PDB file of all heavy atoms in Angstrom:
ATOM      1  N   ARG A   1      -3.836  -2.674   2.121  1.00  0.00           N
ATOM      2  CA  ARG A   1      -5.282  -2.861   2.101  1.00  0.00           C
ATOM      3  C   ARG A   1      -5.865  -1.859   1.126  1.00  0.00           C
ATOM      4  O   ARG A   1      -5.596  -0.676   1.255  1.00  0.00           O
ATOM      5  CB  ARG A   1      -5.847  -2.671   3.501  1.00  0.00           C
ATOM      6  CG  ARG A   1      -7.310  -2.956   3.566  1.00  0.00           C
ATOM      7  CD  ARG A   1      -7.755  -2.914   5.024  1.00  0.00           C
ATOM      8  NE  ARG A   1      -9.185  -3.073   5.067  1.00  0.00           N
ATOM      9  CZ  ARG A   1      -9.817  -3.252   6.203  1.00  0.00           C
ATOM     10  NH1 ARG A   1      -9.200  -3.288   7.329  1.00  0.00           N
ATOM     11  NH2 ARG A   1     -11.111  -3.384   6.176  1.00  0.00           N
ATOM     12  N   GLU A   2      -6.696  -2.318   0.224  1.00  0.00           N
ATOM     13  CA  GLU A   2      -7.199  -1.419  -0.833  1.00  0.00           C
ATOM     14  C   GLU A   2      -8.665  -1.080  -0.650  1.00  0.00           C
ATOM     15  O   GLU A   2      -9.214  -0.405  -1.479  1.00  0.00           O
ATOM     16  CB  GLU A   2      -6.977  -2.092  -2.184  1.00  0.00           C
ATOM     17  CG  GLU A   2      -5.531  -2.198  -2.515  1.00  0.00           C
ATOM     18  CD  GLU A   2      -5.267  -2.727  -3.908  1.00  0.00           C
ATOM     19  OE1 GLU A   2      -6.251  -2.882  -4.646  1.00  0.00           O
ATOM     20  OE2 GLU A   2      -4.119  -2.927  -4.207  1.00  0.00           O
ATOM     21  N   THR A   3      -9.265  -1.554   0.421  1.00  0.00           N
ATOM     22  CA  THR A   3     -10.672  -1.203   0.639  1.00  0.00           C
ATOM     23  C   THR A   3     -10.834  -0.523   1.963  1.00  0.00           C
ATOM     24  O   THR A   3     -10.037  -0.689   2.847  1.00  0.00           O
ATOM     25  CB  THR A   3     -11.560  -2.473   0.618  1.00  0.00           C
ATOM     26  OG1 THR A   3     -11.107  -3.353   1.645  1.00  0.00           O
ATOM     27  CG2 THR A   3     -11.506  -3.177  -0.716  1.00  0.00           C
ATOM     28  N   GLY A   4     -11.913   0.239   2.073  1.00  0.00           N
ATOM     29  CA  GLY A   4     -12.186   0.915   3.337  1.00  0.00           C
ATOM     30  C   GLY A   4     -11.756   2.378   3.309  1.00  0.00           C
ATOM     31  O   GLY A   4     -10.635   2.652   2.953  1.00  0.00           O
ATOM     32  N   ASP A   5     -12.663   3.231   3.660  1.00  0.00           N
ATOM     33  CA  ASP A   5     -12.343   4.678   3.665  1.00  0.00           C
ATOM     34  C   ASP A   5     -11.189   5.044   4.552  1.00  0.00           C
ATOM     35  O   ASP A   5     -10.446   5.987   4.288  1.00  0.00           O
ATOM     36  CB  ASP A   5     -13.591   5.468   4.063  1.00  0.00           C
ATOM     37  CG  ASP A   5     -14.708   5.384   3.035  1.00  0.00           C
ATOM     38  OD1 ASP A   5     -14.404   5.076   1.861  1.00  0.00           O
ATOM     39  OD2 ASP A   5     -15.857   5.611   3.395  1.00  0.00           O
ATOM     40  N   GLU A   6     -11.035   4.292   5.654  1.00  0.00           N
ATOM     41  CA  GLU A   6      -9.963   4.636   6.630  1.00  0.00           C
ATOM     42  C   GLU A   6      -8.586   4.379   6.059  1.00  0.00           C
ATOM     43  O   GLU A   6      -7.587   4.829   6.623  1.00  0.00           O
ATOM     44  CB  GLU A   6     -10.161   3.847   7.931  1.00  0.00           C
ATOM     45  CG  GLU A   6      -9.890   2.384   7.829  1.00  0.00           C
ATOM     46  CD  GLU A   6     -10.989   1.489   7.226  1.00  0.00           C
ATOM     47  OE1 GLU A   6     -12.019   2.054   6.810  1.00  0.00           O
ATOM     48  OE2 GLU A   6     -10.801   0.318   7.168  1.00  0.00           O
ATOM     49  N   ASP A   7      -8.477   3.664   4.946  1.00  0.00           N
ATOM     50  CA  ASP A   7      -7.162   3.336   4.419  1.00  0.00           C
ATOM     51  C   ASP A   7      -6.710   4.237   3.289  1.00  0.00           C
ATOM     52  O   ASP A   7      -5.700   3.958   2.635  1.00  0.00           O
ATOM     53  CB  ASP A   7      -7.179   1.866   3.966  1.00  0.00           C
ATOM     54  CG  ASP A   7      -7.286   0.943   5.132  1.00  0.00           C
ATOM     55  OD1 ASP A   7      -6.502   1.106   6.097  1.00  0.00           O
ATOM     56  OD2 ASP A   7      -8.161   0.040   5.113  1.00  0.00           O
ATOM     57  N   TRP A   8      -7.416   5.341   3.003  1.00  0.00           N
ATOM     58  CA  TRP A   8      -7.042   6.168   1.906  1.00  0.00           C
ATOM     59  C   TRP A   8      -5.633   6.729   2.025  1.00  0.00           C
ATOM     60  O   TRP A   8      -4.874   6.759   1.050  1.00  0.00           O
ATOM     61  CB  TRP A   8      -8.035   7.341   1.700  1.00  0.00           C
ATOM     62  CG  TRP A   8      -7.969   8.356   2.806  1.00  0.00           C
ATOM     63  CD1 TRP A   8      -8.674   8.351   3.980  1.00  0.00           C
ATOM     64  CD2 TRP A   8      -7.098   9.485   2.893  1.00  0.00           C
ATOM     65  NE1 TRP A   8      -8.315   9.402   4.809  1.00  0.00           N
ATOM     66  CE2 TRP A   8      -7.371  10.136   4.129  1.00  0.00           C
ATOM     67  CE3 TRP A   8      -6.149  10.038   2.030  1.00  0.00           C
ATOM     68  CZ2 TRP A   8      -6.690  11.287   4.523  1.00  0.00           C
ATOM     69  CZ3 TRP A   8      -5.479  11.180   2.427  1.00  0.00           C
ATOM     70  CH2 TRP A   8      -5.765  11.787   3.664  1.00  0.00           C
ATOM     71  N   ILE A   9      -5.231   7.120   3.228  1.00  0.00           N
ATOM     72  CA  ILE A   9      -3.929   7.716   3.396  1.00  0.00           C
ATOM     73  C   ILE A   9      -2.815   6.697   3.212  1.00  0.00           C
ATOM     74  O   ILE A   9      -1.770   6.979   2.668  1.00  0.00           O
ATOM     75  CB  ILE A   9      -3.816   8.499   4.734  1.00  0.00           C
ATOM     76  CG1 ILE A   9      -2.646   9.486   4.621  1.00  0.00           C
ATOM     77  CG2 ILE A   9      -3.648   7.547   5.899  1.00  0.00           C
ATOM     78  CD1 ILE A   9      -2.767  10.629   5.587  1.00  0.00           C
ATOM     79  N   HIS A  10      -3.085   5.462   3.630  1.00  0.00           N
ATOM     80  CA  HIS A  10      -2.106   4.388   3.440  1.00  0.00           C
ATOM     81  C   HIS A  10      -1.891   4.129   1.917  1.00  0.00           C
ATOM     82  O   HIS A  10      -0.779   4.013   1.444  1.00  0.00           O
ATOM     83  CB  HIS A  10      -2.555   3.109   4.125  1.00  0.00           C
ATOM     84  CG  HIS A  10      -2.659   3.249   5.610  1.00  0.00           C
ATOM     85  ND1 HIS A  10      -3.869   3.499   6.211  1.00  0.00           N
ATOM     86  CD2 HIS A  10      -1.757   3.210   6.577  1.00  0.00           C
ATOM     87  CE1 HIS A  10      -3.675   3.558   7.522  1.00  0.00           C
ATOM     88  NE2 HIS A  10      -2.405   3.393   7.762  1.00  0.00           N
ATOM     89  N   ARG A  11      -2.959   4.059   1.197  1.00  0.00           N
ATOM     90  CA  ARG A  11      -2.888   3.817  -0.262  1.00  0.00           C
ATOM     91  C   ARG A  11      -2.115   4.945  -0.910  1.00  0.00           C
ATOM     92  O   ARG A  11      -1.294   4.751  -1.793  1.00  0.00           O
ATOM     93  CB  ARG A  11      -4.274   3.659  -0.873  1.00  0.00           C
ATOM     94  CG  ARG A  11      -4.926   2.374  -0.532  1.00  0.00           C
ATOM     95  CD  ARG A  11      -6.177   2.161  -1.373  1.00  0.00           C
ATOM     96  NE  ARG A  11      -7.150   3.210  -1.276  1.00  0.00           N
ATOM     97  CZ  ARG A  11      -8.101   3.281  -0.316  1.00  0.00           C
ATOM     98  NH1 ARG A  11      -8.138   2.399   0.660  1.00  0.00           N
ATOM     99  NH2 ARG A  11      -8.925   4.296  -0.296  1.00  0.00           N
ATOM    100  N   ARG A  12      -2.413   6.196  -0.535  1.00  0.00           N
ATOM    101  CA  ARG A  12      -1.761   7.356  -1.108  1.00  0.00           C
ATOM    102  C   ARG A  12      -0.270   7.281  -0.855  1.00  0.00           C
ATOM    103  O   ARG A  12       0.565   7.536  -1.754  1.00  0.00           O
ATOM    104  CB  ARG A  12      -2.336   8.602  -0.541  1.00  0.00           C
ATOM    105  CG  ARG A  12      -1.723   9.875  -1.110  1.00  0.00           C
ATOM    106  CD  ARG A  12      -2.427  11.083  -0.612  1.00  0.00           C
ATOM    107  NE  ARG A  12      -1.635  12.263  -0.815  1.00  0.00           N
ATOM    108  CZ  ARG A  12      -1.909  13.443  -0.366  1.00  0.00           C
ATOM    109  NH1 ARG A  12      -2.996  13.619   0.337  1.00  0.00           N
ATOM    110  NH2 ARG A  12      -1.147  14.451  -0.600  1.00  0.00           N
ATOM    111  N   HIS A  13       0.151   6.947   0.345  1.00  0.00           N
ATOM    112  CA  HIS A  13       1.578   6.838   0.682  1.00  0.00           C
ATOM    113  C   HIS A  13       2.245   5.809  -0.213  1.00  0.00           C
ATOM    114  O   HIS A  13       3.295   6.053  -0.774  1.00  0.00           O
ATOM    115  CB  HIS A  13       1.792   6.385   2.118  1.00  0.00           C
ATOM    116  CG  HIS A  13       1.311   7.342   3.165  1.00  0.00           C
ATOM    117  ND1 HIS A  13       1.264   6.994   4.432  1.00  0.00           N
ATOM    118  CD2 HIS A  13       0.853   8.598   3.068  1.00  0.00           C
ATOM    119  CE1 HIS A  13       0.783   8.048   5.136  1.00  0.00           C
ATOM    120  NE2 HIS A  13       0.524   9.008   4.300  1.00  0.00           N
ATOM    121  N   GLN A  14       1.647   4.643  -0.297  1.00  0.00           N
ATOM    122  CA  GLN A  14       2.271   3.576  -1.031  1.00  0.00           C
ATOM    123  C   GLN A  14       2.342   3.863  -2.528  1.00  0.00           C
ATOM    124  O   GLN A  14       3.293   3.548  -3.187  1.00  0.00           O
ATOM    125  CB  GLN A  14       1.547   2.278  -0.719  1.00  0.00           C
ATOM    126  CG  GLN A  14       1.821   1.833   0.675  1.00  0.00           C
ATOM    127  CD  GLN A  14       0.675   1.119   1.331  1.00  0.00           C
ATOM    128  OE1 GLN A  14      -0.204   0.637   0.654  1.00  0.00           O
ATOM    129  NE2 GLN A  14       0.698   1.012   2.654  1.00  0.00           N
ATOM    130  N   THR A  15       1.310   4.495  -3.026  1.00  0.00           N
ATOM    131  CA  THR A  15       1.275   4.832  -4.451  1.00  0.00           C
ATOM    132  C   THR A  15       2.348   5.875  -4.771  1.00  0.00           C
ATOM    133  O   THR A  15       3.113   5.764  -5.724  1.00  0.00           O
ATOM    134  CB  THR A  15      -0.084   5.351  -4.867  1.00  0.00           C
ATOM    135  OG1 THR A  15      -1.053   4.352  -4.566  1.00  0.00           O
ATOM    136  CG2 THR A  15      -0.163   5.690  -6.338  1.00  0.00           C
ATOM    137  N   ARG A  16       2.447   6.908  -3.959  1.00  0.00           N
ATOM    138  CA  ARG A  16       3.378   7.997  -4.244  1.00  0.00           C
ATOM    139  C   ARG A  16       4.809   7.633  -3.930  1.00  0.00           C
ATOM    140  O   ARG A  16       5.717   8.067  -4.592  1.00  0.00           O
ATOM    141  CB  ARG A  16       2.991   9.239  -3.395  1.00  0.00           C
ATOM    142  CG  ARG A  16       1.777   9.937  -3.918  1.00  0.00           C
ATOM    143  CD  ARG A  16       1.452  11.208  -3.144  1.00  0.00           C
ATOM    144  NE  ARG A  16       2.630  12.071  -3.089  1.00  0.00           N
ATOM    145  CZ  ARG A  16       2.988  12.759  -2.000  1.00  0.00           C
ATOM    146  NH1 ARG A  16       2.305  12.637  -0.893  1.00  0.00           N
ATOM    147  NH2 ARG A  16       4.002  13.529  -2.041  1.00  0.00           N
ATOM    148  N   ARG A  17       5.035   6.844  -2.878  1.00  0.00           N
ATOM    149  CA  ARG A  17       6.393   6.653  -2.394  1.00  0.00           C
ATOM    150  C   ARG A  17       6.991   5.287  -2.768  1.00  0.00           C
ATOM    151  O   ARG A  17       8.173   5.196  -3.056  1.00  0.00           O
ATOM    152  CB  ARG A  17       6.439   6.795  -0.886  1.00  0.00           C
ATOM    153  CG  ARG A  17       6.085   8.167  -0.421  1.00  0.00           C
ATOM    154  CD  ARG A  17       7.169   9.138  -0.724  1.00  0.00           C
ATOM    155  NE  ARG A  17       6.850  10.400  -0.134  1.00  0.00           N
ATOM    156  CZ  ARG A  17       7.362  11.542  -0.527  1.00  0.00           C
ATOM    157  NH1 ARG A  17       8.156  11.598  -1.529  1.00  0.00           N
ATOM    158  NH2 ARG A  17       7.007  12.643   0.063  1.00  0.00           N
ATOM    159  N   LEU A  18       6.205   4.245  -2.720  1.00  0.00           N
ATOM    160  CA  LEU A  18       6.797   2.913  -2.858  1.00  0.00           C
ATOM    161  C   LEU A  18       6.841   2.374  -4.254  1.00  0.00           C
ATOM    162  O   LEU A  18       7.793   1.752  -4.663  1.00  0.00           O
ATOM    163  CB  LEU A  18       6.081   1.918  -1.922  1.00  0.00           C
ATOM    164  CG  LEU A  18       6.165   2.240  -0.444  1.00  0.00           C
ATOM    165  CD1 LEU A  18       5.405   1.205   0.346  1.00  0.00           C
ATOM    166  CD2 LEU A  18       7.618   2.279  -0.004  1.00  0.00           C
ATOM    167  N   ILE A  19       5.769   2.587  -4.995  1.00  0.00           N
ATOM    168  CA  ILE A  19       5.678   1.961  -6.308  1.00  0.00           C
ATOM    169  C   ILE A  19       6.876   2.341  -7.209  1.00  0.00           C
ATOM    170  O   ILE A  19       7.440   1.503  -7.908  1.00  0.00           O
ATOM    171  CB  ILE A  19       4.299   2.217  -6.970  1.00  0.00           C
ATOM    172  CG1 ILE A  19       3.255   1.437  -6.207  1.00  0.00           C
ATOM    173  CG2 ILE A  19       4.326   1.874  -8.448  1.00  0.00           C
ATOM    174  CD1 ILE A  19       1.830   1.716  -6.604  1.00  0.00           C
ATOM    175  N   PRO A  20       7.304   3.619  -7.202  1.00  0.00           N
ATOM    176  CA  PRO A  20       8.450   3.958  -8.079  1.00  0.00           C
ATOM    177  C   PRO A  20       9.806   3.459  -7.571  1.00  0.00           C
ATOM    178  O   PRO A  20      10.805   3.665  -8.206  1.00  0.00           O
ATOM    179  CB  PRO A  20       8.432   5.484  -8.075  1.00  0.00           C
ATOM    180  CG  PRO A  20       7.189   5.917  -7.438  1.00  0.00           C
ATOM    181  CD  PRO A  20       6.696   4.763  -6.618  1.00  0.00           C
ATOM    182  N   MET A  21       9.824   2.768  -6.424  1.00  0.00           N
ATOM    183  CA  MET A  21      11.122   2.471  -5.788  1.00  0.00           C
ATOM    184  C   MET A  21      11.549   1.029  -5.939  1.00  0.00           C
ATOM    185  O   MET A  21      12.015   0.416  -4.987  1.00  0.00           O
ATOM    186  CB  MET A  21      11.019   2.830  -4.306  1.00  0.00           C
ATOM    187  CG  MET A  21      10.771   4.300  -4.053  1.00  0.00           C
ATOM    188  SD  MET A  21      11.017   4.747  -2.382  1.00  0.00           S
ATOM    189  CE  MET A  21      12.732   4.430  -2.195  1.00  0.00           C
ATOM    190  N   ASN A  22      11.442   0.434  -7.068  1.00  0.00           N
ATOM    191  CA  ASN A  22      11.817  -0.949  -7.270  1.00  0.00           C
ATOM    192  C   ASN A  22      13.261  -1.220  -6.894  1.00  0.00           C
ATOM    193  O   ASN A  22      13.615  -2.333  -6.582  1.00  0.00           O
ATOM    194  CB  ASN A  22      11.544  -1.337  -8.724  1.00  0.00           C
ATOM    195  CG  ASN A  22      10.080  -1.374  -9.026  1.00  0.00           C
ATOM    196  OD1 ASN A  22       9.259  -1.592  -8.144  1.00  0.00           O
ATOM    197  ND2 ASN A  22       9.739  -1.117 -10.292  1.00  0.00           N
ATOM    198  N   LYS A  23      14.129  -0.223  -6.914  1.00  0.00           N
ATOM    199  CA  LYS A  23      15.540  -0.433  -6.621  1.00  0.00           C
ATOM    200  C   LYS A  23      15.753  -0.837  -5.147  1.00  0.00           C
ATOM    201  O   LYS A  23      16.797  -1.297  -4.805  1.00  0.00           O
ATOM    202  CB  LYS A  23      16.331   0.841  -6.900  1.00  0.00           C
ATOM    203  CG  LYS A  23      15.970   2.009  -6.045  1.00  0.00           C
ATOM    204  CD  LYS A  23      16.755   3.233  -6.392  1.00  0.00           C
ATOM    205  CE  LYS A  23      16.348   4.374  -5.482  1.00  0.00           C
ATOM    206  NZ  LYS A  23      17.076   5.566  -5.722  1.00  0.00           N
ATOM    207  N   HIS A  24      14.748  -0.689  -4.310  1.00  0.00           N
ATOM    208  CA  HIS A  24      14.913  -0.990  -2.909  1.00  0.00           C
ATOM    209  C   HIS A  24      14.303  -2.317  -2.477  1.00  0.00           C
ATOM    210  O   HIS A  24      13.961  -2.488  -1.321  1.00  0.00           O
ATOM    211  CB  HIS A  24      14.316   0.147  -2.048  1.00  0.00           C
ATOM    212  CG  HIS A  24      15.144   1.374  -2.032  1.00  0.00           C
ATOM    213  ND1 HIS A  24      16.411   1.398  -1.496  1.00  0.00           N
ATOM    214  CD2 HIS A  24      14.939   2.603  -2.481  1.00  0.00           C
ATOM    215  CE1 HIS A  24      16.915   2.614  -1.614  1.00  0.00           C
ATOM    216  NE2 HIS A  24      16.033   3.362  -2.209  1.00  0.00           N
ATOM    217  N   ASN A  25      14.176  -3.269  -3.411  1.00  0.00           N
ATOM    218  CA  ASN A  25      13.668  -4.570  -3.041  1.00  0.00           C
ATOM    219  C   ASN A  25      12.311  -4.484  -2.335  1.00  0.00           C
ATOM    220  O   ASN A  25      12.102  -5.140  -1.311  1.00  0.00           O
ATOM    221  CB  ASN A  25      14.668  -5.345  -2.189  1.00  0.00           C
ATOM    222  CG  ASN A  25      15.982  -5.576  -2.902  1.00  0.00           C
ATOM    223  OD1 ASN A  25      15.962  -5.875  -4.095  1.00  0.00           O
ATOM    224  ND2 ASN A  25      17.068  -5.397  -2.202  1.00  0.00           N
ATOM    225  N   ILE A  26      11.421  -3.701  -2.875  1.00  0.00           N
ATOM    226  CA  ILE A  26      10.102  -3.573  -2.303  1.00  0.00           C
ATOM    227  C   ILE A  26       9.152  -4.451  -3.081  1.00  0.00           C
ATOM    228  O   ILE A  26       9.054  -4.378  -4.285  1.00  0.00           O
ATOM    229  CB  ILE A  26       9.603  -2.132  -2.329  1.00  0.00           C
ATOM    230  CG1 ILE A  26      10.516  -1.255  -1.429  1.00  0.00           C
ATOM    231  CG2 ILE A  26       8.173  -2.016  -1.885  1.00  0.00           C
ATOM    232  CD1 ILE A  26      10.237   0.200  -1.502  1.00  0.00           C
ATOM    233  N   HIS A  27       8.435  -5.265  -2.351  1.00  0.00           N
ATOM    234  CA  HIS A  27       7.424  -6.179  -2.949  1.00  0.00           C
ATOM    235  C   HIS A  27       6.045  -5.772  -2.402  1.00  0.00           C
ATOM    236  O   HIS A  27       5.817  -5.902  -1.181  1.00  0.00           O
ATOM    237  CB  HIS A  27       7.759  -7.650  -2.594  1.00  0.00           C
ATOM    238  CG  HIS A  27       9.187  -7.961  -2.884  1.00  0.00           C
ATOM    239  ND1 HIS A  27       9.616  -8.325  -4.133  1.00  0.00           N
ATOM    240  CD2 HIS A  27      10.240  -8.035  -2.066  1.00  0.00           C
ATOM    241  CE1 HIS A  27      10.918  -8.572  -4.081  1.00  0.00           C
ATOM    242  NE2 HIS A  27      11.318  -8.366  -2.809  1.00  0.00           N
ATOM    243  N   LEU A  28       5.216  -5.252  -3.248  1.00  0.00           N
ATOM    244  CA  LEU A  28       3.884  -4.822  -2.842  1.00  0.00           C
ATOM    245  C   LEU A  28       2.897  -5.925  -3.089  1.00  0.00           C
ATOM    246  O   LEU A  28       2.917  -6.585  -4.150  1.00  0.00           O
ATOM    247  CB  LEU A  28       3.437  -3.571  -3.630  1.00  0.00           C
ATOM    248  CG  LEU A  28       4.258  -2.300  -3.351  1.00  0.00           C
ATOM    249  CD1 LEU A  28       3.808  -1.224  -4.295  1.00  0.00           C
ATOM    250  CD2 LEU A  28       4.069  -1.873  -1.934  1.00  0.00           C
ATOM    251  N   GLN A  29       2.018  -6.156  -2.153  1.00  0.00           N
ATOM    252  CA  GLN A  29       0.954  -7.138  -2.317  1.00  0.00           C
ATOM    253  C   GLN A  29      -0.357  -6.540  -1.767  1.00  0.00           C
ATOM    254  O   GLN A  29      -0.390  -6.013  -0.668  1.00  0.00           O
ATOM    255  CB  GLN A  29       1.275  -8.448  -1.595  1.00  0.00           C
ATOM    256  CG  GLN A  29       0.273  -9.510  -1.843  1.00  0.00           C
ATOM    257  CD  GLN A  29       0.748 -10.882  -1.341  1.00  0.00           C
ATOM    258  OE1 GLN A  29       1.901 -11.086  -1.103  1.00  0.00           O
ATOM    259  NE2 GLN A  29      -0.199 -11.762  -1.183  1.00  0.00           N
ATOM    260  N   SER A  30      -1.395  -6.749  -2.501  1.00  0.00           N
ATOM    261  CA  SER A  30      -2.697  -6.245  -2.068  1.00  0.00           C
ATOM    262  C   SER A  30      -3.365  -7.216  -1.093  1.00  0.00           C
ATOM    263  O   SER A  30      -3.327  -8.422  -1.303  1.00  0.00           O
ATOM    264  CB  SER A  30      -3.614  -6.044  -3.301  1.00  0.00           C
ATOM    265  OG  SER A  30      -4.914  -5.684  -2.880  1.00  0.00           O
ATOM    266  N   ILE A  31      -3.933  -6.695  -0.030  1.00  0.00           N
ATOM    267  CA  ILE A  31      -4.745  -7.454   0.864  1.00  0.00           C
ATOM    268  C   ILE A  31      -6.004  -6.676   1.098  1.00  0.00           C
ATOM    269  O   ILE A  31      -6.010  -5.477   1.154  1.00  0.00           O
ATOM    270  CB  ILE A  31      -4.043  -7.756   2.219  1.00  0.00           C
ATOM    271  CG1 ILE A  31      -3.575  -6.443   2.861  1.00  0.00           C
ATOM    272  CG2 ILE A  31      -2.900  -8.740   2.085  1.00  0.00           C
ATOM    273  CD1 ILE A  31      -3.096  -6.605   4.303  1.00  0.00           C
ATOM    274  N   ASN A  32      -7.098  -7.365   1.226  1.00  0.00           N
ATOM    275  CA  ASN A  32      -8.362  -6.702   1.504  1.00  0.00           C
ATOM    276  C   ASN A  32      -8.870  -7.147   2.881  1.00  0.00           C
ATOM    277  O   ASN A  32     -10.009  -7.588   3.024  1.00  0.00           O
ATOM    278  CB  ASN A  32      -9.368  -6.974   0.402  1.00  0.00           C
ATOM    279  CG  ASN A  32      -9.008  -6.151  -0.828  1.00  0.00           C
ATOM    280  OD1 ASN A  32      -8.619  -5.019  -0.701  1.00  0.00           O
ATOM    281  ND2 ASN A  32      -9.123  -6.732  -1.972  1.00  0.00           N
ATOM    282  N   ALA A  33      -7.963  -7.035   3.839  1.00  0.00           N
ATOM    283  CA  ALA A  33      -8.314  -7.402   5.211  1.00  0.00           C
ATOM    284  C   ALA A  33      -7.368  -6.672   6.171  1.00  0.00           C
ATOM    285  O   ALA A  33      -6.262  -6.329   5.764  1.00  0.00           O
ATOM    286  CB  ALA A  33      -8.147  -8.910   5.415  1.00  0.00           C
ATOM    287  N   GLY A  34      -7.843  -6.425   7.351  1.00  0.00           N
ATOM    288  CA  GLY A  34      -6.998  -5.847   8.358  1.00  0.00           C
ATOM    289  C   GLY A  34      -6.192  -6.923   9.066  1.00  0.00           C
ATOM    290  O   GLY A  34      -6.401  -8.147   8.800  1.00  0.00           O
ATOM    291  N   LEU A  35      -5.261  -6.553   9.936  1.00  0.00           N
ATOM    292  CA  LEU A  35      -4.463  -7.526  10.628  1.00  0.00           C
ATOM    293  C   LEU A  35      -5.288  -8.514  11.447  1.00  0.00           C
ATOM    294  O   LEU A  35      -4.979  -9.703  11.468  1.00  0.00           O
ATOM    295  CB  LEU A  35      -3.428  -6.856  11.511  1.00  0.00           C
ATOM    296  CG  LEU A  35      -2.153  -6.422  10.835  1.00  0.00           C
ATOM    297  CD1 LEU A  35      -1.268  -5.603  11.776  1.00  0.00           C
ATOM    298  CD2 LEU A  35      -1.402  -7.588  10.279  1.00  0.00           C
ATOM    299  N   LYS A  36      -6.317  -8.032  12.091  1.00  0.00           N
ATOM    300  CA  LYS A  36      -7.135  -8.898  12.895  1.00  0.00           C
ATOM    301  C   LYS A  36      -7.815  -9.953  11.999  1.00  0.00           C
ATOM    302  O   LYS A  36      -7.821 -11.146  12.346  1.00  0.00           O
ATOM    303  CB  LYS A  36      -8.215  -8.120  13.664  1.00  0.00           C
ATOM    304  CG  LYS A  36      -9.080  -8.976  14.567  1.00  0.00           C
ATOM    305  CD  LYS A  36     -10.116  -8.145  15.304  1.00  0.00           C
ATOM    306  CE  LYS A  36     -10.951  -8.948  16.275  1.00  0.00           C
ATOM    307  NZ  LYS A  36     -11.561 -10.109  15.770  1.00  0.00           N
TER     308      LYS A  36
END
């Protein structure tokens, strides 16, 4: 999720840790909604 102040830490984790890790079959997709 890329919107909402409460999601800053999630975005930071994914940017720092996941984006450089293509070797691990990680597929990132943006959603602008919560699970509900």
